[in-house]
Amino acid sequence: MNPEFATLRSLLNRRIELIADHAFRAADAPGHLAALQQISELISQEHLRLRPLLSGRLAHFLQQASYSKALEYLDETNG
C-alpha cells in the first residue's frame, strides 16, 4: 500500500463505519450528522492534498463523492 494514501483510506473507512452506526444516529441524530459532515470535510482536505498523486479514476470517485468506490479502488490497486 502506498503510505501516502493511508490517511485517505482510514477516513473513507471511518465514514462507512459512521454511516453504519445506527445506534449513534438513533441516540443523537444531530451529532451523527455533524460527525458525517466533519469526516466528509477531512476527506475533501485529503483529496486536495493528494491531488497530484491521484489517478484519474480515483480523482473522479473523490470528486463525485463516490467514497465507497474510492475505497474499493484503493483496495484493488493497493493505492
Protein backbone atom coordinates (compact mmCIF):
# COMPACT_ATOMS: atom_id res chain seq x y z
CA MET A 1 0.00 0.00 0.00
CA ASN A 2 1.25 3.45 -0.86
CA PRO A 3 1.72 5.13 2.54
CA GLU A 4 0.57 8.45 1.07
CA PHE A 5 -2.96 7.03 0.87
CA ALA A 6 -3.15 5.60 4.41
CA THR A 7 -4.95 8.64 5.85
CA LEU A 8 -7.42 8.74 2.96
CA ARG A 9 -8.15 5.03 3.34
CA SER A 10 -8.66 5.49 7.09
CA LEU A 11 -11.04 8.41 6.58
CA LEU A 12 -13.05 6.52 3.98
CA ASN A 13 -13.34 3.53 6.32
CA ARG A 14 -14.38 5.80 9.19
CA ARG A 15 -17.13 7.33 7.04
CA ILE A 16 -18.52 3.87 6.24
CA GLU A 17 -18.42 2.99 9.94
CA LEU A 18 -20.30 6.18 10.80
CA ILE A 19 -22.97 5.52 8.21
CA ALA A 20 -23.46 2.02 9.63
CA ASP A 21 -23.65 3.26 13.23
CA HIS A 22 -27.43 3.20 13.58
CA ALA A 23 -27.25 3.38 17.38
CA PHE A 24 -25.33 6.69 17.20
CA ARG A 25 -27.82 8.07 14.69
CA ALA A 26 -30.79 6.97 16.80
CA ALA A 27 -29.33 8.38 20.02
CA ASP A 28 -28.02 11.67 18.61
CA ALA A 29 -29.15 12.44 15.06
CA PRO A 30 -27.65 15.97 15.00
CA GLY A 31 -24.35 14.67 16.38
CA HIS A 32 -24.32 11.87 13.84
CA LEU A 33 -24.90 14.32 11.02
CA ALA A 34 -22.16 16.61 12.37
CA ALA A 35 -19.74 13.68 12.53
CA LEU A 36 -20.55 12.77 8.92
CA GLN A 37 -20.03 16.37 7.83
CA GLN A 38 -16.70 16.51 9.64
CA ILE A 39 -15.41 13.29 8.10
CA SER A 40 -16.54 14.46 4.66
CA GLU A 41 -14.60 17.71 5.13
CA LEU A 42 -11.50 15.76 6.17
CA ILE A 43 -11.84 13.55 3.09
CA SER A 44 -12.09 16.68 0.91
CA GLN A 45 -8.95 18.12 2.51
CA GLU A 46 -7.08 14.88 1.97
CA HIS A 47 -8.31 14.81 -1.63
CA LEU A 48 -6.81 18.25 -2.20
CA ARG A 49 -3.54 17.28 -0.52
CA LEU A 50 -3.20 14.15 -2.64
CA ARG A 51 -4.43 15.65 -5.91
CA PRO A 52 -1.02 15.46 -7.66
CA LEU A 53 -0.72 11.75 -6.83
CA LEU A 54 -4.23 10.64 -7.76
CA SER A 55 -5.05 8.55 -10.78
CA GLY A 56 -7.81 9.95 -12.96
CA ARG A 57 -10.23 7.28 -11.80
CA LEU A 58 -9.59 7.82 -8.09
CA ALA A 59 -9.81 11.59 -8.54
CA HIS A 60 -13.16 11.11 -10.29
CA PHE A 61 -14.53 8.98 -7.45
CA LEU A 62 -13.48 11.55 -4.87
CA GLN A 63 -14.83 14.50 -6.89
CA GLN A 64 -18.18 12.74 -7.23
CA ALA A 65 -18.20 11.77 -3.52
CA SER A 66 -18.30 8.10 -4.54
CA TYR A 67 -16.41 7.23 -1.41
CA SER A 68 -17.22 3.51 -1.39
CA LYS A 69 -15.92 3.24 -4.94
CA ALA A 70 -12.81 5.21 -3.97
CA LEU A 71 -12.12 2.80 -1.13
CA GLU A 72 -12.69 -0.21 -3.39
CA TYR A 73 -10.29 1.29 -5.91
CA LEU A 74 -7.63 1.80 -3.24
CA ASP A 75 -8.09 -1.78 -2.06
CA GLU A 76 -7.91 -3.20 -5.58
CA THR A 77 -4.85 -1.21 -6.62
CA ASN A 78 -3.10 -1.24 -3.25
CA GLY A 79 -3.11 2.54 -3.63
